[in-house]
Structures are given as C-alpha cells and as structure tokens.
Amino acid sequence: MAALSRTGTFSDPVNTSFTGTWNIISDGTIMNPNSTNEESQKITSVIVTFNGEMYIDTMMETFYFDCIENPTHTPTMNEFAENSILAGAQNSEFGGTTSWTLGVFPPNPSGYLYPSDCDAVVESGTFNWAHPTNGLTRSGSILID
C-alpha cells in the first residue's frame, strides 16, 4: 500500500512564538493493525519541526480507544474515516518530554475527537511539553491541515 502523510501545526496560545509543524506518517508497511478496516495503516513516525530543528519519533504507544472500548489500540491513519488520525496518549522526545493526543475525525463537526473520551467535544489535538533541564513547560493545540 502507498505511504500516507498529513501535515499540520502546533502552537501554545500563551507563548505564540512556541509553534512549528507536526507531521504524521505511515510508510504503508503495516495495514489494518487493529483488525477494523483494511484501508487503515499504522502510524510509523511523527516528525515535529521547531526553531529549525527536526525531531522524529518512530515508537508509537498503544492507547485506550474509548469509541470501541479497545484498551490496546494501535495509532492509525484512515481507520474509521478517510483522512482520520487516531493517536491517543502518546509520549515523545521532541526537544523535551512531550505528551500528546491527536484524533482527527472528519465526520465530526469540529473535525476532531478525543480518543480517550469520544463524547468530549474538542477542536484540535493537544500537547504538553517540558524542557529537559530548566523546568519550562508549554501546552497547546495540534491542528492538521
């Protein structure tokens, strides 16, 4: 199957200079990892760019997906709708410890969902970032184009 990618941005509404790009990629090698849809693909990497630096995570964690009550859901693209992205409760090192959740779901009015609580109304994905040494933290939104 062909590779998939989606690009967006992240930003902290308090410190508007804390912004960059957020890329979700599936290389197309792992199809239908949750046995739900033959068109779905496992997310194989996330690339974040901030201040000219590129950070890559290739280790996606399984998560609890509330919508189908699956406690070990593998992060995917195109699983329940075309252009959907489901990646809940992820942890990455993007220039600092980063926890993030992204549920892009085009059929929802906002275009997003919160994978751990499908009844919640959300307008974006979310992230929390902590500097590795000075205690600085940032929180904000992930918006996919």
N, C-alpha and C. Protein backbone atom coordinates (compact mmCIF):
# COMPACT_ATOMS: atom_id res chain seq x y z
N MET A 1 0.85 -1.18 0.00
CA MET A 1 0.00 0.00 0.00
C MET A 1 0.89 1.23 0.00
N ALA A 2 0.39 2.30 -0.52
CA ALA A 2 1.13 3.56 -0.59
C ALA A 2 1.25 4.21 0.79
N ALA A 3 2.31 4.94 0.96
CA ALA A 3 2.52 5.68 2.20
C ALA A 3 1.49 6.80 2.32
N LEU A 4 1.22 7.21 3.55
CA LEU A 4 0.31 8.32 3.84
C LEU A 4 1.02 9.34 4.69
N SER A 5 0.67 10.61 4.53
CA SER A 5 1.21 11.63 5.43
C SER A 5 0.19 12.75 5.57
N ARG A 6 0.18 13.36 6.72
CA ARG A 6 -0.66 14.53 6.99
C ARG A 6 0.21 15.53 7.72
N THR A 7 0.05 16.80 7.39
CA THR A 7 0.85 17.86 7.98
C THR A 7 -0.05 18.87 8.66
N GLY A 8 0.44 19.41 9.74
CA GLY A 8 -0.28 20.45 10.45
C GLY A 8 0.67 21.32 11.25
N THR A 9 0.12 22.03 12.20
CA THR A 9 0.92 22.91 13.04
C THR A 9 0.60 22.67 14.50
N PHE A 10 1.52 23.09 15.35
CA PHE A 10 1.25 23.10 16.78
C PHE A 10 1.55 24.50 17.29
N SER A 11 0.88 24.90 18.35
CA SER A 11 1.14 26.22 18.93
C SER A 11 0.67 26.27 20.37
N ASP A 12 1.32 27.14 21.12
CA ASP A 12 0.96 27.44 22.51
C ASP A 12 0.24 28.78 22.47
N PRO A 13 -1.03 28.85 22.90
CA PRO A 13 -1.76 30.11 22.82
C PRO A 13 -1.22 31.20 23.76
N VAL A 14 -0.47 30.81 24.79
CA VAL A 14 0.10 31.79 25.73
C VAL A 14 1.39 32.38 25.18
N ASN A 15 2.26 31.52 24.64
CA ASN A 15 3.51 31.96 24.04
C ASN A 15 3.43 31.66 22.55
N THR A 16 2.97 32.61 21.77
CA THR A 16 2.71 32.38 20.35
C THR A 16 3.96 32.11 19.53
N SER A 17 5.15 32.33 20.10
CA SER A 17 6.38 32.00 19.36
C SER A 17 6.71 30.52 19.49
N PHE A 18 6.03 29.79 20.38
CA PHE A 18 6.23 28.35 20.51
C PHE A 18 5.29 27.67 19.53
N THR A 19 5.76 27.53 18.29
CA THR A 19 4.95 26.98 17.22
C THR A 19 5.86 26.27 16.22
N GLY A 20 5.29 25.36 15.45
CA GLY A 20 6.06 24.64 14.44
C GLY A 20 5.16 23.71 13.66
N THR A 21 5.75 22.78 12.94
CA THR A 21 4.97 21.83 12.14
C THR A 21 4.90 20.47 12.82
N TRP A 22 3.82 19.76 12.52
CA TRP A 22 3.56 18.44 13.08
C TRP A 22 3.18 17.54 11.92
N ASN A 23 3.97 16.50 11.66
CA ASN A 23 3.74 15.60 10.53
C ASN A 23 3.50 14.18 11.02
N ILE A 24 2.42 13.59 10.54
CA ILE A 24 2.06 12.21 10.87
C ILE A 24 2.29 11.38 9.61
N ILE A 25 2.99 10.26 9.75
CA ILE A 25 3.38 9.46 8.58
C ILE A 25 3.10 7.98 8.81
N SER A 26 2.60 7.33 7.78
CA SER A 26 2.55 5.88 7.72
C SER A 26 3.33 5.47 6.49
N ASP A 27 4.27 4.57 6.65
CA ASP A 27 5.06 4.15 5.48
C ASP A 27 4.34 3.09 4.64
N GLY A 28 3.14 2.69 5.08
CA GLY A 28 2.34 1.75 4.30
C GLY A 28 2.69 0.29 4.48
N THR A 29 3.59 -0.01 5.41
CA THR A 29 4.01 -1.41 5.57
C THR A 29 3.13 -2.21 6.51
N ILE A 30 2.38 -1.55 7.40
CA ILE A 30 1.54 -2.28 8.36
C ILE A 30 0.08 -1.85 8.14
N MET A 31 -0.67 -2.72 7.52
CA MET A 31 -2.06 -2.45 7.20
C MET A 31 -2.98 -3.09 8.24
N ASN A 32 -4.10 -2.41 8.53
CA ASN A 32 -5.17 -2.91 9.38
C ASN A 32 -4.64 -3.46 10.72
N PRO A 33 -3.85 -2.68 11.47
CA PRO A 33 -3.27 -3.20 12.70
C PRO A 33 -4.27 -3.50 13.81
N ASN A 34 -5.46 -2.91 13.75
CA ASN A 34 -6.48 -3.15 14.79
C ASN A 34 -7.60 -4.06 14.31
N SER A 35 -7.44 -4.64 13.12
CA SER A 35 -8.44 -5.54 12.53
C SER A 35 -9.82 -4.90 12.42
N THR A 36 -9.86 -3.63 12.00
CA THR A 36 -11.12 -2.92 11.89
C THR A 36 -11.43 -2.47 10.47
N ASN A 37 -10.39 -2.20 9.67
CA ASN A 37 -10.59 -1.65 8.33
C ASN A 37 -9.35 -1.94 7.49
N GLU A 38 -9.53 -2.62 6.38
CA GLU A 38 -8.40 -3.00 5.53
C GLU A 38 -7.66 -1.80 4.95
N GLU A 39 -8.29 -0.62 4.93
CA GLU A 39 -7.65 0.59 4.40
C GLU A 39 -6.80 1.31 5.46
N SER A 40 -6.94 0.92 6.71
CA SER A 40 -6.19 1.62 7.77
C SER A 40 -4.72 1.23 7.75
N GLN A 41 -3.88 2.18 8.18
CA GLN A 41 -2.44 1.95 8.24
C GLN A 41 -1.91 2.40 9.59
N LYS A 42 -0.94 1.66 10.11
CA LYS A 42 -0.30 2.03 11.36
C LYS A 42 0.54 3.29 11.14
N ILE A 43 0.46 4.22 12.10
CA ILE A 43 1.35 5.38 12.08
C ILE A 43 2.75 4.88 12.40
N THR A 44 3.70 5.17 11.53
CA THR A 44 5.06 4.67 11.74
C THR A 44 6.04 5.76 12.19
N SER A 45 5.67 7.03 12.02
CA SER A 45 6.55 8.09 12.53
C SER A 45 5.80 9.41 12.65
N VAL A 46 6.31 10.23 13.54
CA VAL A 46 5.84 11.60 13.72
C VAL A 46 7.08 12.48 13.65
N ILE A 47 7.00 13.52 12.85
CA ILE A 47 8.12 14.46 12.73
C ILE A 47 7.63 15.84 13.13
N VAL A 48 8.29 16.43 14.12
CA VAL A 48 7.96 17.77 14.59
C VAL A 48 9.14 18.67 14.28
N THR A 49 8.86 19.84 13.73
CA THR A 49 9.90 20.83 13.45
C THR A 49 9.62 22.07 14.27
N PHE A 50 10.65 22.52 15.00
CA PHE A 50 10.54 23.71 15.85
C PHE A 50 11.87 24.45 15.82
N ASN A 51 11.83 25.74 15.55
CA ASN A 51 13.06 26.56 15.51
C ASN A 51 14.13 25.98 14.60
N GLY A 52 13.72 25.44 13.47
CA GLY A 52 14.68 24.89 12.51
C GLY A 52 15.22 23.52 12.87
N GLU A 53 14.81 22.96 14.00
CA GLU A 53 15.25 21.62 14.40
C GLU A 53 14.15 20.61 14.11
N MET A 54 14.53 19.43 13.62
CA MET A 54 13.58 18.38 13.33
C MET A 54 13.72 17.27 14.37
N TYR A 55 12.60 16.84 14.94
CA TYR A 55 12.56 15.76 15.93
C TYR A 55 11.68 14.65 15.39
N ILE A 56 12.13 13.40 15.56
CA ILE A 56 11.43 12.25 14.99
C ILE A 56 11.14 11.22 16.07
N ASP A 57 9.92 10.70 16.05
CA ASP A 57 9.53 9.60 16.94
C ASP A 57 9.00 8.47 16.07
N THR A 58 9.57 7.28 16.22
CA THR A 58 9.12 6.12 15.45
C THR A 58 8.52 5.04 16.35
N MET A 59 8.34 5.35 17.62
CA MET A 59 7.79 4.37 18.57
C MET A 59 6.43 4.85 19.06
N MET A 60 5.36 4.35 18.48
CA MET A 60 4.02 4.73 18.88
C MET A 60 3.51 3.76 19.96
N GLU A 61 2.88 4.32 20.99
CA GLU A 61 2.34 3.51 22.08
C GLU A 61 0.88 3.15 21.78
N THR A 62 0.46 1.95 22.20
CA THR A 62 -0.96 1.63 22.12
C THR A 62 -1.68 2.49 23.16
N PHE A 63 -2.98 2.67 22.99
CA PHE A 63 -3.75 3.53 23.89
C PHE A 63 -5.16 2.99 24.04
N TYR A 64 -5.88 3.49 25.05
CA TYR A 64 -7.28 3.12 25.23
C TYR A 64 -8.12 3.96 24.28
N PHE A 65 -8.82 3.30 23.35
CA PHE A 65 -9.70 4.00 22.40
C PHE A 65 -11.13 3.80 22.86
N ASP A 66 -11.68 4.87 23.46
CA ASP A 66 -13.00 4.84 24.08
C ASP A 66 -14.12 4.46 23.11
N CYS A 67 -14.06 4.93 21.88
CA CYS A 67 -15.17 4.74 20.93
C CYS A 67 -15.51 3.27 20.72
N ILE A 68 -14.53 2.39 20.77
CA ILE A 68 -14.80 0.96 20.61
C ILE A 68 -14.31 0.16 21.83
N GLU A 69 -13.98 0.87 22.90
CA GLU A 69 -13.54 0.26 24.17
C GLU A 69 -12.39 -0.73 23.98
N ASN A 70 -11.40 -0.29 23.21
CA ASN A 70 -10.22 -1.11 22.97
C ASN A 70 -9.08 -0.58 23.83
N PRO A 71 -8.61 -1.36 24.83
CA PRO A 71 -7.55 -0.87 25.71
C PRO A 71 -6.15 -0.88 25.11
N THR A 72 -5.97 -1.53 23.96
CA THR A 72 -4.64 -1.60 23.35
C THR A 72 -4.74 -1.25 21.87
N HIS A 73 -5.23 -0.07 21.59
CA HIS A 73 -5.43 0.37 20.20
C HIS A 73 -4.12 0.89 19.63
N THR A 74 -3.78 0.46 18.44
CA THR A 74 -2.58 0.91 17.75
C THR A 74 -2.89 2.21 17.00
N PRO A 75 -2.04 3.25 17.10
CA PRO A 75 -2.27 4.50 16.38
C PRO A 75 -2.33 4.28 14.86
N THR A 76 -3.34 4.90 14.23
CA THR A 76 -3.58 4.65 12.81
C THR A 76 -3.95 5.90 12.03
N MET A 77 -3.93 5.73 10.73
CA MET A 77 -4.46 6.70 9.77
C MET A 77 -5.51 5.97 8.93
N ASN A 78 -6.57 6.67 8.55
CA ASN A 78 -7.64 6.15 7.69
C ASN A 78 -8.37 4.94 8.27
N GLU A 79 -8.51 4.88 9.60
CA GLU A 79 -9.13 3.68 10.17
C GLU A 79 -10.65 3.70 10.11
N PHE A 80 -11.29 4.74 10.60
CA PHE A 80 -12.75 4.77 10.62
C PHE A 80 -13.33 5.80 9.66
N ALA A 81 -12.47 6.57 9.03
CA ALA A 81 -12.90 7.53 8.01
C ALA A 81 -11.66 7.93 7.21
N GLU A 82 -11.88 8.29 5.96
CA GLU A 82 -10.77 8.77 5.15
C GLU A 82 -10.19 10.02 5.80
N ASN A 83 -8.88 10.11 5.81
CA ASN A 83 -8.11 11.21 6.41
C ASN A 83 -8.19 11.26 7.94
N SER A 84 -8.68 10.20 8.57
CA SER A 84 -8.68 10.20 10.03
C SER A 84 -7.30 9.84 10.57
N ILE A 85 -7.04 10.33 11.78
CA ILE A 85 -5.81 10.02 12.51
C ILE A 85 -6.23 9.71 13.94
N LEU A 86 -5.81 8.57 14.45
CA LEU A 86 -6.12 8.20 15.83
C LEU A 86 -4.82 7.87 16.55
N ALA A 87 -4.42 8.76 17.46
CA ALA A 87 -3.19 8.55 18.24
C ALA A 87 -3.40 9.16 19.62
N GLY A 88 -3.86 8.37 20.55
CA GLY A 88 -4.11 8.86 21.91
C GLY A 88 -2.96 8.54 22.83
N ALA A 89 -2.79 9.35 23.85
CA ALA A 89 -1.84 9.10 24.94
C ALA A 89 -0.44 8.73 24.46
N GLN A 90 0.13 9.55 23.58
CA GLN A 90 1.47 9.31 23.05
C GLN A 90 2.52 10.09 23.84
N ASN A 91 3.73 9.55 23.90
CA ASN A 91 4.86 10.19 24.58
C ASN A 91 6.05 10.21 23.64
N SER A 92 6.64 11.40 23.49
CA SER A 92 7.75 11.56 22.54
C SER A 92 8.78 12.50 23.12
N GLU A 93 9.99 12.46 22.56
CA GLU A 93 11.05 13.39 22.90
C GLU A 93 11.24 14.35 21.73
N PHE A 94 10.57 15.48 21.81
CA PHE A 94 10.67 16.50 20.77
C PHE A 94 11.39 17.71 21.34
N GLY A 95 12.68 17.57 21.63
CA GLY A 95 13.44 18.65 22.25
C GLY A 95 13.08 18.84 23.72
N GLY A 96 12.30 17.95 24.23
CA GLY A 96 11.82 17.92 25.61
C GLY A 96 10.76 16.83 25.68
N THR A 97 10.41 16.45 26.89
CA THR A 97 9.40 15.41 27.07
C THR A 97 8.05 15.94 26.61
N THR A 98 7.42 15.22 25.70
CA THR A 98 6.16 15.67 25.11
C THR A 98 5.12 14.57 25.22
N SER A 99 3.98 14.90 25.82
CA SER A 99 2.83 14.00 25.78
C SER A 99 1.82 14.65 24.85
N TRP A 100 1.18 13.83 24.02
CA TRP A 100 0.27 14.38 23.03
C TRP A 100 -0.82 13.40 22.66
N THR A 101 -1.93 13.96 22.20
CA THR A 101 -3.08 13.19 21.76
C THR A 101 -3.63 13.86 20.51
N LEU A 102 -3.92 13.04 19.51
CA LEU A 102 -4.46 13.59 18.27
C LEU A 102 -5.53 12.64 17.73
N GLY A 103 -6.73 13.16 17.60
CA GLY A 103 -7.83 12.42 17.00
C GLY A 103 -8.45 13.27 15.91
N VAL A 104 -8.03 13.05 14.67
CA VAL A 104 -8.62 13.76 13.54
C VAL A 104 -9.72 12.86 13.00
N PHE A 105 -10.94 13.39 12.98
CA PHE A 105 -12.09 12.60 12.54
C PHE A 105 -13.01 13.48 11.72
N PRO A 106 -12.81 13.52 10.38
CA PRO A 106 -13.57 14.42 9.51
C PRO A 106 -15.09 14.38 9.65
N PRO A 107 -15.73 13.22 9.96
CA PRO A 107 -17.19 13.25 10.09
C PRO A 107 -17.71 14.09 11.27
N ASN A 108 -16.91 14.32 12.30
CA ASN A 108 -17.35 15.16 13.42
C ASN A 108 -17.43 16.61 12.97
N PRO A 109 -18.37 17.37 13.53
CA PRO A 109 -18.48 18.78 13.14
C PRO A 109 -17.19 19.58 13.30
N SER A 110 -16.42 19.32 14.36
CA SER A 110 -15.16 20.03 14.57
C SER A 110 -14.01 19.43 13.75
N GLY A 111 -14.21 18.21 13.26
CA GLY A 111 -13.15 17.51 12.54
C GLY A 111 -12.21 16.75 13.46
N TYR A 112 -12.47 16.80 14.78
CA TYR A 112 -11.59 16.15 15.76
C TYR A 112 -12.41 15.33 16.76
N LEU A 113 -11.74 14.42 17.43
CA LEU A 113 -12.30 13.72 18.58
C LEU A 113 -11.19 13.47 19.58
N TYR A 114 -11.58 13.20 20.83
CA TYR A 114 -10.62 12.89 21.87
C TYR A 114 -10.64 11.38 22.06
N PRO A 115 -9.60 10.65 21.65
CA PRO A 115 -9.64 9.19 21.64
C PRO A 115 -9.96 8.53 22.98
N SER A 116 -9.61 9.16 24.09
CA SER A 116 -9.86 8.56 25.40
C SER A 116 -11.25 8.86 25.94
N ASP A 117 -11.98 9.76 25.29
CA ASP A 117 -13.34 10.10 25.70
C ASP A 117 -14.09 10.58 24.45
N CYS A 118 -14.69 9.67 23.74
CA CYS A 118 -15.31 10.00 22.45
C CYS A 118 -16.52 10.91 22.57
N ASP A 119 -17.06 11.11 23.79
CA ASP A 119 -18.17 12.03 23.98
C ASP A 119 -17.69 13.47 24.15
N ALA A 120 -16.42 13.67 24.43
CA ALA A 120 -15.88 15.02 24.62
C ALA A 120 -15.87 15.78 23.28
N VAL A 121 -16.19 17.06 23.33
CA VAL A 121 -16.13 17.90 22.13
C VAL A 121 -14.79 18.62 22.14
N VAL A 122 -13.98 18.41 21.12
CA VAL A 122 -12.66 19.03 21.04
C VAL A 122 -12.49 19.69 19.68
N GLU A 123 -11.63 20.69 19.64
CA GLU A 123 -11.39 21.46 18.42
C GLU A 123 -10.02 21.21 17.81
N SER A 124 -9.22 20.35 18.47
CA SER A 124 -7.85 20.10 18.00
C SER A 124 -7.27 18.92 18.76
N GLY A 125 -6.06 18.52 18.36
CA GLY A 125 -5.27 17.64 19.19
C GLY A 125 -4.60 18.50 20.26
N THR A 126 -3.98 17.87 21.25
CA THR A 126 -3.33 18.63 22.32
C THR A 126 -1.93 18.09 22.59
N PHE A 127 -1.08 18.97 23.15
CA PHE A 127 0.25 18.55 23.57
C PHE A 127 0.63 19.25 24.87
N ASN A 128 1.51 18.60 25.62
CA ASN A 128 2.17 19.17 26.80
C ASN A 128 3.65 18.88 26.63
N TRP A 129 4.48 19.92 26.76
CA TRP A 129 5.91 19.81 26.53
C TRP A 129 6.66 20.33 27.74
N ALA A 130 7.75 19.66 28.12
CA ALA A 130 8.58 20.10 29.24
C ALA A 130 10.04 20.12 28.82
N HIS A 131 10.71 21.26 29.06
CA HIS A 131 12.14 21.39 28.76
C HIS A 131 12.92 20.37 29.58
N PRO A 132 13.97 19.78 29.03
CA PRO A 132 14.69 18.73 29.73
C PRO A 132 15.46 19.19 30.97
N THR A 133 15.80 20.47 31.09
CA THR A 133 16.62 20.87 32.23
C THR A 133 16.11 22.07 33.03
N ASN A 134 15.41 23.01 32.41
CA ASN A 134 15.10 24.25 33.13
C ASN A 134 13.69 24.34 33.70
N GLY A 135 12.86 23.30 33.53
CA GLY A 135 11.52 23.31 34.11
C GLY A 135 10.47 24.05 33.30
N LEU A 136 10.85 24.66 32.19
CA LEU A 136 9.90 25.37 31.34
C LEU A 136 8.91 24.38 30.74
N THR A 137 7.63 24.74 30.74
CA THR A 137 6.60 23.89 30.14
C THR A 137 5.76 24.69 29.15
N ARG A 138 5.19 23.99 28.21
CA ARG A 138 4.29 24.57 27.22
C ARG A 138 3.15 23.59 26.97
N SER A 139 1.98 24.14 26.69
CA SER A 139 0.81 23.33 26.34
C SER A 139 0.11 24.01 25.19
N GLY A 140 -0.55 23.23 24.37
CA GLY A 140 -1.25 23.86 23.27
C GLY A 140 -1.99 22.90 22.38
N SER A 141 -2.23 23.35 21.16
CA SER A 141 -3.06 22.65 20.19
C SER A 141 -2.25 22.11 19.02
N ILE A 142 -2.76 21.02 18.46
CA ILE A 142 -2.24 20.45 17.22
C ILE A 142 -3.38 20.52 16.21
N LEU A 143 -3.15 21.22 15.12
CA LEU A 143 -4.16 21.35 14.06
C LEU A 143 -3.61 20.75 12.77
N ILE A 144 -4.33 19.81 12.19
CA ILE A 144 -3.91 19.15 10.96
C ILE A 144 -4.61 19.83 9.78
N ASP A 145 -3.85 20.12 8.73
CA ASP A 145 -4.42 20.78 7.54
C ASP A 145 -5.33 19.84 6.79
